[in-house]
Amino acid sequence: MFSNKWVAFGVGVAAGLAAAALIRTPAFRKACVAVTEKGMQLKQDAVAFMESVKEDAQDIAAEAAYNQSQNA
């Protein structure tokens, strides 16, 4: 009869066709845009946070260097 390979192939083809149909829907596109937008906002927030951490570290290093020069 049919082997498991052919069944798996058929299921894969069906899943591919279903995914292709899903991808073309406006609702799926809108959801993808929303997820991408949130991801980009998260990245921007992370960059801003890291910039503030970097500035704080630079301030601490500058203050330590100033204190060291005053003690010398």
PDB file of N, CA and C in Angstrom:
ATOM      1  N   MET A   1       0.853  -1.185   0.000  1.00  0.00           N
ATOM      2  CA  MET A   1       0.000   0.000   0.000  1.00  0.00           C
ATOM      3  C   MET A   1       0.892   1.238   0.000  1.00  0.00           C
ATOM      4  N   PHE A   2       0.570   2.250   0.791  1.00  0.00           N
ATOM      5  CA  PHE A   2       1.377   3.472   0.850  1.00  0.00           C
ATOM      6  C   PHE A   2       2.393   3.363   1.964  1.00  0.00           C
ATOM      7  N   SER A   3       3.570   3.860   1.710  1.00  0.00           N
ATOM      8  CA  SER A   3       4.582   3.833   2.761  1.00  0.00           C
ATOM      9  C   SER A   3       4.477   5.119   3.583  1.00  0.00           C
ATOM     10  N   ASN A   4       5.123   5.103   4.721  1.00  0.00           N
ATOM     11  CA  ASN A   4       5.100   6.279   5.591  1.00  0.00           C
ATOM     12  C   ASN A   4       5.756   7.490   4.938  1.00  0.00           C
ATOM     13  N   LYS A   5       6.704   7.239   4.022  1.00  0.00           N
ATOM     14  CA  LYS A   5       7.369   8.351   3.333  1.00  0.00           C
ATOM     15  C   LYS A   5       6.383   9.126   2.475  1.00  0.00           C
ATOM     16  N   TRP A   6       5.485   8.396   1.784  1.00  0.00           N
ATOM     17  CA  TRP A   6       4.504   9.068   0.939  1.00  0.00           C
ATOM     18  C   TRP A   6       3.471   9.822   1.771  1.00  0.00           C
ATOM     19  N   VAL A   7       3.124   9.274   2.893  1.00  0.00           N
ATOM     20  CA  VAL A   7       2.186   9.965   3.785  1.00  0.00           C
ATOM     21  C   VAL A   7       2.832  11.248   4.305  1.00  0.00           C
ATOM     22  N   ALA A   8       4.082  11.147   4.725  1.00  0.00           N
ATOM     23  CA  ALA A   8       4.789  12.332   5.214  1.00  0.00           C
ATOM     24  C   ALA A   8       4.934  13.370   4.108  1.00  0.00           C
ATOM     25  N   PHE A   9       5.222  12.908   2.890  1.00  0.00           N
ATOM     26  CA  PHE A   9       5.327  13.823   1.760  1.00  0.00           C
ATOM     27  C   PHE A   9       4.004  14.533   1.516  1.00  0.00           C
ATOM     28  N   GLY A  10       2.921  13.780   1.544  1.00  0.00           N
ATOM     29  CA  GLY A  10       1.592  14.363   1.331  1.00  0.00           C
ATOM     30  C   GLY A  10       1.230  15.369   2.403  1.00  0.00           C
ATOM     31  N   VAL A  11       1.547  15.034   3.638  1.00  0.00           N
ATOM     32  CA  VAL A  11       1.276  15.965   4.739  1.00  0.00           C
ATOM     33  C   VAL A  11       2.122  17.232   4.564  1.00  0.00           C
ATOM     34  N   GLY A  12       3.355  17.076   4.147  1.00  0.00           N
ATOM     35  CA  GLY A  12       4.221  18.226   3.921  1.00  0.00           C
ATOM     36  C   GLY A  12       3.714  19.126   2.813  1.00  0.00           C
ATOM     37  N   VAL A  13       3.261  18.531   1.730  1.00  0.00           N
ATOM     38  CA  VAL A  13       2.698  19.309   0.621  1.00  0.00           C
ATOM     39  C   VAL A  13       1.450  20.049   1.078  1.00  0.00           C
ATOM     40  N   ALA A  14       0.586  19.370   1.817  1.00  0.00           N
ATOM     41  CA  ALA A  14      -0.642  19.998   2.313  1.00  0.00           C
ATOM     42  C   ALA A  14      -0.312  21.152   3.260  1.00  0.00           C
ATOM     43  N   ALA A  15       0.655  20.943   4.129  1.00  0.00           N
ATOM     44  CA  ALA A  15       1.045  22.001   5.056  1.00  0.00           C
ATOM     45  C   ALA A  15       1.649  23.188   4.297  1.00  0.00           C
ATOM     46  N   GLY A  16       2.434  22.904   3.278  1.00  0.00           N
ATOM     47  CA  GLY A  16       3.014  23.979   2.474  1.00  0.00           C
ATOM     48  C   GLY A  16       1.957  24.785   1.753  1.00  0.00           C
ATOM     49  N   LEU A  17       0.983  24.110   1.195  1.00  0.00           N
ATOM     50  CA  LEU A  17      -0.109  24.814   0.514  1.00  0.00           C
ATOM     51  C   LEU A  17      -0.936  25.644   1.492  1.00  0.00           C
ATOM     52  N   ALA A  18      -1.189  25.077   2.662  1.00  0.00           N
ATOM     53  CA  ALA A  18      -1.946  25.814   3.673  1.00  0.00           C
ATOM     54  C   ALA A  18      -1.167  27.037   4.141  1.00  0.00           C
ATOM     55  N   ALA A  19       0.139  26.882   4.335  1.00  0.00           N
ATOM     56  CA  ALA A  19       0.969  28.012   4.757  1.00  0.00           C
ATOM     57  C   ALA A  19       1.007  29.087   3.678  1.00  0.00           C
ATOM     58  N   ALA A  20       1.118  28.688   2.430  1.00  0.00           N
ATOM     59  CA  ALA A  20       1.134  29.652   1.330  1.00  0.00           C
ATOM     60  C   ALA A  20      -0.178  30.423   1.271  1.00  0.00           C
ATOM     61  N   ALA A  21      -1.282  29.741   1.493  1.00  0.00           N
ATOM     62  CA  ALA A  21      -2.581  30.414   1.491  1.00  0.00           C
ATOM     63  C   ALA A  21      -2.702  31.356   2.681  1.00  0.00           C
ATOM     64  N   LEU A  22      -2.195  30.942   3.826  1.00  0.00           N
ATOM     65  CA  LEU A  22      -2.263  31.762   5.038  1.00  0.00           C
ATOM     66  C   LEU A  22      -1.421  33.022   4.896  1.00  0.00           C
ATOM     67  N   ILE A  23      -0.247  32.882   4.311  1.00  0.00           N
ATOM     68  CA  ILE A  23       0.669  34.012   4.179  1.00  0.00           C
ATOM     69  C   ILE A  23       0.068  35.117   3.317  1.00  0.00           C
ATOM     70  N   ARG A  24      -0.765  34.756   2.388  1.00  0.00           N
ATOM     71  CA  ARG A  24      -1.342  35.738   1.465  1.00  0.00           C
ATOM     72  C   ARG A  24      -2.523  36.499   2.050  1.00  0.00           C
ATOM     73  N   THR A  25      -2.996  36.145   3.224  1.00  0.00           N
ATOM     74  CA  THR A  25      -4.164  36.815   3.794  1.00  0.00           C
ATOM     75  C   THR A  25      -3.770  38.154   4.403  1.00  0.00           C
ATOM     76  N   PRO A  26      -4.638  39.161   4.297  1.00  0.00           N
ATOM     77  CA  PRO A  26      -4.344  40.480   4.877  1.00  0.00           C
ATOM     78  C   PRO A  26      -4.176  40.433   6.397  1.00  0.00           C
ATOM     79  N   ALA A  27      -4.921  39.577   7.066  1.00  0.00           N
ATOM     80  CA  ALA A  27      -4.816  39.489   8.525  1.00  0.00           C
ATOM     81  C   ALA A  27      -3.435  38.989   8.939  1.00  0.00           C
ATOM     82  N   PHE A  28      -2.899  38.004   8.212  1.00  0.00           N
ATOM     83  CA  PHE A  28      -1.566  37.490   8.525  1.00  0.00           C
ATOM     84  C   PHE A  28      -0.513  38.555   8.285  1.00  0.00           C
ATOM     85  N   ARG A  29      -0.650  39.282   7.192  1.00  0.00           N
ATOM     86  CA  ARG A  29       0.302  40.356   6.884  1.00  0.00           C
ATOM     87  C   ARG A  29       0.262  41.426   7.976  1.00  0.00           C
ATOM     88  N   LYS A  30      -0.941  41.792   8.396  1.00  0.00           N
ATOM     89  CA  LYS A  30      -1.099  42.800   9.445  1.00  0.00           C
ATOM     90  C   LYS A  30      -0.455  42.318  10.745  1.00  0.00           C
ATOM     91  N   ALA A  31      -0.627  41.057  11.071  1.00  0.00           N
ATOM     92  CA  ALA A  31      -0.022  40.492  12.284  1.00  0.00           C
ATOM     93  C   ALA A  31       1.500  40.500  12.177  1.00  0.00           C
ATOM     94  N   CYS A  32       2.024  40.161  11.017  1.00  0.00           N
ATOM     95  CA  CYS A  32       3.483  40.181  10.821  1.00  0.00           C
ATOM     96  C   CYS A  32       4.040  41.584  10.964  1.00  0.00           C
ATOM     97  N   VAL A  33       3.342  42.559  10.420  1.00  0.00           N
ATOM     98  CA  VAL A  33       3.775  43.951  10.542  1.00  0.00           C
ATOM     99  C   VAL A  33       3.776  44.376  12.003  1.00  0.00           C
ATOM    100  N   ALA A  34       2.752  43.998  12.739  1.00  0.00           N
ATOM    101  CA  ALA A  34       2.668  44.367  14.151  1.00  0.00           C
ATOM    102  C   ALA A  34       3.793  43.729  14.960  1.00  0.00           C
ATOM    103  N   VAL A  35       4.078  42.463  14.697  1.00  0.00           N
ATOM    104  CA  VAL A  35       5.154  41.775  15.421  1.00  0.00           C
ATOM    105  C   VAL A  35       6.506  42.405  15.088  1.00  0.00           C
ATOM    106  N   THR A  36       6.718  42.716  13.812  1.00  0.00           N
ATOM    107  CA  THR A  36       7.969  43.351  13.401  1.00  0.00           C
ATOM    108  C   THR A  36       8.114  44.725  14.033  1.00  0.00           C
ATOM    109  N   GLU A  37       7.034  45.471  14.086  1.00  0.00           N
ATOM    110  CA  GLU A  37       7.050  46.799  14.702  1.00  0.00           C
ATOM    111  C   GLU A  37       7.424  46.710  16.183  1.00  0.00           C
ATOM    112  N   LYS A  38       6.833  45.767  16.883  1.00  0.00           N
ATOM    113  CA  LYS A  38       7.155  45.588  18.302  1.00  0.00           C
ATOM    114  C   LYS A  38       8.611  45.181  18.485  1.00  0.00           C
ATOM    115  N   GLY A  39       9.103  44.321  17.609  1.00  0.00           N
ATOM    116  CA  GLY A  39      10.508  43.909  17.675  1.00  0.00           C
ATOM    117  C   GLY A  39      11.453  45.067  17.445  1.00  0.00           C
ATOM    118  N   MET A  40      11.126  45.918  16.482  1.00  0.00           N
ATOM    119  CA  MET A  40      11.975  47.077  16.212  1.00  0.00           C
ATOM    120  C   MET A  40      11.954  48.053  17.390  1.00  0.00           C
ATOM    121  N   GLN A  41      10.793  48.231  18.009  1.00  0.00           N
ATOM    122  CA  GLN A  41      10.689  49.106  19.173  1.00  0.00           C
ATOM    123  C   GLN A  41      11.504  48.543  20.333  1.00  0.00           C
ATOM    124  N   LEU A  42      11.453  47.239  20.522  1.00  0.00           N
ATOM    125  CA  LEU A  42      12.232  46.586  21.570  1.00  0.00           C
ATOM    126  C   LEU A  42      13.718  46.799  21.335  1.00  0.00           C
ATOM    127  N   LYS A  43      14.156  46.692  20.088  1.00  0.00           N
ATOM    128  CA  LYS A  43      15.562  46.910  19.747  1.00  0.00           C
ATOM    129  C   LYS A  43      15.961  48.348  20.054  1.00  0.00           C
ATOM    130  N   GLN A  44      15.118  49.311  19.678  1.00  0.00           N
ATOM    131  CA  GLN A  44      15.420  50.718  19.948  1.00  0.00           C
ATOM    132  C   GLN A  44      15.500  50.982  21.452  1.00  0.00           C
ATOM    133  N   ASP A  45      14.600  50.380  22.218  1.00  0.00           N
ATOM    134  CA  ASP A  45      14.629  50.541  23.671  1.00  0.00           C
ATOM    135  C   ASP A  45      15.906  49.944  24.261  1.00  0.00           C
ATOM    136  N   ALA A  46      16.320  48.794  23.755  1.00  0.00           N
ATOM    137  CA  ALA A  46      17.543  48.157  24.241  1.00  0.00           C
ATOM    138  C   ALA A  46      18.767  48.999  23.910  1.00  0.00           C
ATOM    139  N   VAL A  47      18.810  49.578  22.715  1.00  0.00           N
ATOM    140  CA  VAL A  47      19.939  50.434  22.329  1.00  0.00           C
ATOM    141  C   VAL A  47      19.988  51.666  23.222  1.00  0.00           C
ATOM    142  N   ALA A  48      18.848  52.272  23.495  1.00  0.00           N
ATOM    143  CA  ALA A  48      18.808  53.453  24.357  1.00  0.00           C
ATOM    144  C   ALA A  48      19.267  53.099  25.776  1.00  0.00           C
ATOM    145  N   PHE A  49      18.843  51.953  26.280  1.00  0.00           N
ATOM    146  CA  PHE A  49      19.256  51.517  27.614  1.00  0.00           C
ATOM    147  C   PHE A  49      20.762  51.300  27.669  1.00  0.00           C
ATOM    148  N   MET A  50      21.294  50.613  26.655  1.00  0.00           N
ATOM    149  CA  MET A  50      22.738  50.351  26.633  1.00  0.00           C
ATOM    150  C   MET A  50      23.533  51.646  26.512  1.00  0.00           C
ATOM    151  N   GLU A  51      23.008  52.620  25.786  1.00  0.00           N
ATOM    152  CA  GLU A  51      23.690  53.911  25.670  1.00  0.00           C
ATOM    153  C   GLU A  51      23.749  54.606  27.027  1.00  0.00           C
ATOM    154  N   SER A  52      22.663  54.538  27.796  1.00  0.00           N
ATOM    155  CA  SER A  52      22.676  55.169  29.117  1.00  0.00           C
ATOM    156  C   SER A  52      23.633  54.441  30.060  1.00  0.00           C
ATOM    157  N   VAL A  53      23.702  53.113  29.959  1.00  0.00           N
ATOM    158  CA  VAL A  53      24.640  52.341  30.775  1.00  0.00           C
ATOM    159  C   VAL A  53      26.072  52.718  30.402  1.00  0.00           C
ATOM    160  N   LYS A  54      26.332  52.863  29.108  1.00  0.00           N
ATOM    161  CA  LYS A  54      27.672  53.243  28.631  1.00  0.00           C
ATOM    162  C   LYS A  54      28.048  54.624  29.156  1.00  0.00           C
ATOM    163  N   GLU A  55      27.109  55.564  29.099  1.00  0.00           N
ATOM    164  CA  GLU A  55      27.382  56.914  29.597  1.00  0.00           C
ATOM    165  C   GLU A  55      27.664  56.894  31.097  1.00  0.00           C
ATOM    166  N   ASP A  56      26.896  56.113  31.846  1.00  0.00           N
ATOM    167  CA  ASP A  56      27.131  56.004  33.287  1.00  0.00           C
ATOM    168  C   ASP A  56      28.511  55.419  33.572  1.00  0.00           C
ATOM    169  N   ALA A  57      28.903  54.400  32.818  1.00  0.00           N
ATOM    170  CA  ALA A  57      30.220  53.799  33.009  1.00  0.00           C
ATOM    171  C   ALA A  57      31.327  54.786  32.677  1.00  0.00           C
ATOM    172  N   GLN A  58      31.140  55.568  31.634  1.00  0.00           N
ATOM    173  CA  GLN A  58      32.141  56.579  31.276  1.00  0.00           C
ATOM    174  C   GLN A  58      32.238  57.648  32.359  1.00  0.00           C
ATOM    175  N   ASP A  59      31.107  58.057  32.932  1.00  0.00           N
ATOM    176  CA  ASP A  59      31.116  59.036  34.017  1.00  0.00           C
ATOM    177  C   ASP A  59      31.863  58.493  35.233  1.00  0.00           C
ATOM    178  N   ILE A  60      31.611  57.231  35.563  1.00  0.00           N
ATOM    179  CA  ILE A  60      32.282  56.615  36.711  1.00  0.00           C
ATOM    180  C   ILE A  60      33.784  56.541  36.463  1.00  0.00           C
ATOM    181  N   ALA A  61      34.179  56.160  35.251  1.00  0.00           N
ATOM    182  CA  ALA A  61      35.610  56.070  34.928  1.00  0.00           C
ATOM    183  C   ALA A  61      36.258  57.450  34.977  1.00  0.00           C
ATOM    184  N   ALA A  62      35.579  58.464  34.458  1.00  0.00           N
ATOM    185  CA  ALA A  62      36.132  59.823  34.483  1.00  0.00           C
ATOM    186  C   ALA A  62      36.257  60.322  35.917  1.00  0.00           C
ATOM    187  N   GLU A  63      35.273  60.042  36.750  1.00  0.00           N
ATOM    188  CA  GLU A  63      35.328  60.466  38.152  1.00  0.00           C
ATOM    189  C   GLU A  63      36.454  59.749  38.888  1.00  0.00           C
ATOM    190  N   ALA A  64      36.643  58.479  38.605  1.00  0.00           N
ATOM    191  CA  ALA A  64      37.731  57.728  39.240  1.00  0.00           C
ATOM    192  C   ALA A  64      39.085  58.276  38.801  1.00  0.00           C
ATOM    193  N   ALA A  65      39.218  58.603  37.523  1.00  0.00           N
ATOM    194  CA  ALA A  65      40.475  59.170  37.035  1.00  0.00           C
ATOM    195  C   ALA A  65      40.727  60.533  37.668  1.00  0.00           C
ATOM    196  N   TYR A  66      39.694  61.337  37.816  1.00  0.00           N
ATOM    197  CA  TYR A  66      39.838  62.653  38.449  1.00  0.00           C
ATOM    198  C   TYR A  66      40.251  62.490  39.911  1.00  0.00           C
ATOM    199  N   ASN A  67      39.588  61.590  40.623  1.00  0.00           N
ATOM    200  CA  ASN A  67      39.933  61.360  42.032  1.00  0.00           C
ATOM    201  C   ASN A  67      41.361  60.851  42.179  1.00  0.00           C
ATOM    202  N   GLN A  68      41.792  60.007  41.277  1.00  0.00           N
ATOM    203  CA  GLN A  68      43.150  59.471  41.321  1.00  0.00           C
ATOM    204  C   GLN A  68      44.162  60.588  41.064  1.00  0.00           C
ATOM    205  N   SER A  69      43.844  61.499  40.149  1.00  0.00           N
ATOM    206  CA  SER A  69      44.774  62.602  39.861  1.00  0.00           C
ATOM    207  C   SER A  69      44.835  63.579  41.037  1.00  0.00           C
ATOM    208  N   GLN A  70      43.761  63.722  41.781  1.00  0.00           N
ATOM    209  CA  GLN A  70      43.739  64.623  42.939  1.00  0.00           C
ATOM    210  C   GLN A  70      44.549  64.048  44.101  1.00  0.00           C
ATOM    211  N   ASN A  71      44.577  62.719  44.198  1.00  0.00           N
ATOM    212  CA  ASN A  71      45.306  62.064  45.290  1.00  0.00           C
ATOM    213  C   ASN A  71      46.786  61.936  44.986  1.00  0.00           C
ATOM    214  N   ALA A  72      47.177  62.147  43.760  1.00  0.00           N
ATOM    215  CA  ALA A  72      48.600  61.961  43.390  1.00  0.00           C
ATOM    216  C   ALA A  72      49.434  63.159  43.725  1.00  0.00           C
TER     217      ALA A  72
END
